[in-house]
Amino acid sequence: MQLELLVSKFQEKDEKAFETLYNMYSESMHGVIFNIVRDPDIAQEIMQDVFIKAWHKADSYSAKKGRFFTWILNIARNAAIDKTRSKNFKNTKQNLNSDFFVDIIESNESLDDQTDAIGIKKFVSKLADKCKQVIELLYFKGYTQKEASETLEMPIGTIKTRNRKCISELRNMLDV
């Protein structure tokens, strides 16, 4: 089934479309969420919540604003970040020390295989190192722009500019 038709049926609350999209994207969503929360059970719970939220807010998706995958990925990323900022999550000490991420960021292979179900890894790996760092921190690790600025010891304006430039480069690669 064509993705546009599938998404349209999803927006019309077709359960078969929901199931198909879930099967298409759940592994990628789980990988992105896991990279942020670092707990497989919490990642699974958030992923399920993300698809339920997408189901209830399906009418807010517009193909004119971007791809369906990007829309649901943003929901997943935001849900995972919200979870790490919650008082309950912090109280259970699920947050990891930033030292854990130091060697991950330096590697080109640091994007979890689960986040590569749509093949984005090959495109990100073609970016300049400065782009890879920003993309990994902001989109795969769930850092805010301020946190990325502090981690990379760069002004926040530079992070914002690189983010826009790097996302633009990725879009150009995907449109080719």
Protein backbone atom coordinates (compact mmCIF):
# COMPACT_ATOMS: atom_id res chain seq x y z
CA MET A 1 0.00 0.00 0.00
CA GLN A 2 1.30 3.44 -0.87
CA LEU A 3 2.44 5.46 2.15
CA GLU A 4 0.21 8.45 1.35
CA LEU A 5 -2.87 6.23 1.18
CA LEU A 6 -1.80 4.40 4.32
CA VAL A 7 -1.39 7.66 6.24
CA SER A 8 -4.74 8.88 4.93
CA LYS A 9 -6.43 5.70 6.17
CA PHE A 10 -4.58 6.10 9.49
CA GLN A 11 -6.04 9.60 9.79
CA GLU A 12 -9.48 8.10 9.11
CA LYS A 13 -8.89 5.76 12.10
CA ASP A 14 -8.39 2.60 10.03
CA GLU A 15 -7.00 0.00 12.46
CA LYS A 16 -5.26 -1.98 9.70
CA ALA A 17 -3.39 1.20 8.66
CA PHE A 18 -2.41 1.76 12.30
CA GLU A 19 -1.06 -1.78 12.53
CA THR A 20 0.86 -1.45 9.26
CA LEU A 21 2.44 1.89 10.25
CA TYR A 22 3.26 0.50 13.69
CA ASN A 23 5.04 -2.45 12.10
CA MET A 24 6.88 -0.13 9.69
CA TYR A 25 8.11 2.39 12.26
CA SER A 26 8.04 0.88 15.76
CA GLU A 27 11.59 -0.49 15.59
CA SER A 28 12.99 2.89 14.51
CA MET A 29 10.97 4.74 17.14
CA HIS A 30 12.07 2.32 19.85
CA GLY A 31 15.71 2.83 18.87
CA VAL A 32 15.47 6.63 19.00
CA ILE A 33 13.60 6.56 22.31
CA PHE A 34 16.04 4.02 23.79
CA ASN A 35 19.00 6.23 22.82
CA ILE A 36 17.45 8.95 24.98
CA VAL A 37 16.09 7.05 28.01
CA ARG A 38 18.56 4.12 28.01
CA ASP A 39 16.04 1.69 29.45
CA PRO A 40 14.40 -0.91 27.16
CA ASP A 41 11.21 -1.22 29.22
CA ILE A 42 10.68 2.53 29.47
CA ALA A 43 11.49 2.89 25.76
CA GLN A 44 8.87 0.26 24.91
CA GLU A 45 6.27 1.99 27.08
CA ILE A 46 6.98 5.39 25.55
CA MET A 47 6.91 3.96 22.02
CA GLN A 48 3.44 2.52 22.58
CA ASP A 49 2.28 5.83 24.05
CA VAL A 50 3.68 7.64 21.00
CA PHE A 51 1.63 5.55 18.60
CA ILE A 52 -1.51 6.06 20.69
CA LYS A 53 -0.88 9.80 20.78
CA ALA A 54 -0.29 9.81 17.01
CA TRP A 55 -3.55 7.91 16.56
CA HIS A 56 -5.49 10.48 18.59
CA LYS A 57 -3.78 13.45 16.93
CA ALA A 58 -3.60 12.02 13.41
CA ASP A 59 -5.59 14.92 12.01
CA SER A 60 -2.77 17.30 13.01
CA TYR A 61 -0.39 15.64 10.54
CA SER A 62 0.04 17.45 7.24
CA ALA A 63 2.11 16.10 4.34
CA LYS A 64 2.74 19.74 3.35
CA LYS A 65 4.76 20.25 6.54
CA GLY A 66 6.92 17.13 6.19
CA ARG A 67 7.06 13.36 6.04
CA PHE A 68 4.93 11.16 8.28
CA PHE A 69 8.04 9.48 9.65
CA THR A 70 9.47 12.86 10.69
CA TRP A 71 6.17 13.82 12.33
CA ILE A 72 5.98 10.65 14.41
CA LEU A 73 9.72 10.76 15.13
CA ASN A 74 9.30 14.23 16.64
CA ILE A 75 6.46 12.95 18.82
CA ALA A 76 8.69 10.06 19.96
CA ARG A 77 11.71 12.25 20.59
CA ASN A 78 9.70 14.80 22.56
CA ALA A 79 7.99 12.09 24.62
CA ALA A 80 11.36 10.54 25.49
CA ILE A 81 12.83 13.91 26.46
CA ASP A 82 9.75 14.71 28.55
CA LYS A 83 10.15 11.37 30.32
CA THR A 84 13.83 12.05 31.18
CA ARG A 85 12.84 15.44 32.59
CA SER A 86 10.05 14.01 34.73
CA LYS A 87 10.49 13.97 38.48
CA ASN A 88 9.68 10.25 38.68
CA PHE A 89 12.38 9.37 36.11
CA LYS A 90 14.97 11.46 37.93
CA ASN A 91 13.99 9.97 41.29
CA THR A 92 14.54 6.44 40.01
CA LYS A 93 18.03 7.57 38.93
CA GLN A 94 17.56 6.32 35.39
CA ASN A 95 19.49 9.28 34.01
CA LEU A 96 22.95 8.32 32.92
CA ASN A 97 26.10 10.23 33.64
CA SER A 98 27.32 12.24 30.64
CA ASP A 99 30.62 10.31 30.75
CA PHE A 100 28.69 7.36 29.32
CA PHE A 101 28.22 9.25 26.05
CA VAL A 102 31.76 10.52 25.49
CA ASP A 103 33.03 7.59 23.41
CA ILE A 104 29.65 7.14 21.66
CA ILE A 105 29.74 10.63 20.19
CA GLU A 106 33.20 10.13 18.72
CA SER A 107 32.19 7.08 16.68
CA ASN A 108 30.57 7.07 13.25
CA GLU A 109 28.89 3.82 14.21
CA SER A 110 27.18 5.30 17.27
CA LEU A 111 23.73 5.41 15.71
CA ASP A 112 21.95 2.41 17.13
CA ASP A 113 21.02 -0.21 14.50
CA GLN A 114 17.40 0.05 15.57
CA THR A 115 17.30 3.71 14.55
CA ASP A 116 18.44 2.75 11.06
CA ALA A 117 15.37 0.85 9.92
CA ILE A 118 14.70 3.54 7.29
CA GLY A 119 18.36 3.74 6.20
CA ILE A 120 19.16 7.20 7.56
CA LYS A 121 22.50 6.04 8.97
CA LYS A 122 24.15 5.95 5.55
CA PHE A 123 23.10 9.54 4.92
CA VAL A 124 24.20 10.83 8.33
CA SER A 125 27.55 9.06 7.90
CA LYS A 126 28.15 11.11 4.73
CA LEU A 127 27.90 14.38 6.64
CA ALA A 128 30.93 16.28 7.90
CA ASP A 129 32.01 15.38 11.44
CA LYS A 130 30.70 18.67 12.82
CA CYS A 131 27.27 17.81 11.39
CA LYS A 132 27.34 14.26 12.72
CA GLN A 133 28.03 15.54 16.22
CA VAL A 134 25.16 18.02 16.17
CA ILE A 135 22.67 15.59 14.57
CA GLU A 136 23.53 12.79 17.00
CA LEU A 137 23.21 14.99 20.05
CA LEU A 138 20.01 16.77 19.03
CA TYR A 139 18.09 14.01 17.27
CA PHE A 140 19.43 10.68 18.48
CA LYS A 141 20.47 11.52 22.03
CA GLY A 142 17.67 13.97 22.79
CA TYR A 143 19.88 16.88 23.84
CA THR A 144 18.43 20.36 23.84
CA GLN A 145 20.29 22.97 21.79
CA LYS A 146 21.60 24.44 25.05
CA GLU A 147 22.90 21.04 26.21
CA ALA A 148 24.54 20.42 22.83
CA SER A 149 26.12 23.87 23.04
CA GLU A 150 27.60 23.04 26.45
CA THR A 151 28.71 19.54 25.45
CA LEU A 152 30.41 20.68 22.25
CA GLU A 153 31.64 23.91 23.89
CA MET A 154 30.14 26.06 21.12
CA PRO A 155 27.90 29.11 21.22
CA ILE A 156 24.22 28.20 20.99
CA GLY A 157 23.92 30.29 17.82
CA THR A 158 26.53 28.07 16.15
CA ILE A 159 24.58 24.96 17.19
CA LYS A 160 21.37 26.41 15.73
CA THR A 161 23.07 27.39 12.47
CA ARG A 162 24.80 24.01 12.09
CA ASN A 163 21.58 22.21 12.86
CA ARG A 164 19.72 24.09 10.10
CA LYS A 165 22.61 23.60 7.66
CA CYS A 166 23.03 19.90 8.45
CA ILE A 167 19.31 19.15 8.22
CA SER A 168 19.28 20.98 4.90
CA GLU A 169 22.17 18.80 3.68
CA LEU A 170 20.29 15.66 4.76
CA ARG A 171 17.16 16.83 2.94
CA ASN A 172 19.19 17.44 -0.21
CA MET A 173 20.66 13.93 0.00
CA LEU A 174 17.22 12.39 0.47
CA ASP A 175 15.68 14.31 -2.42
CA VAL A 176 18.31 13.12 -4.89
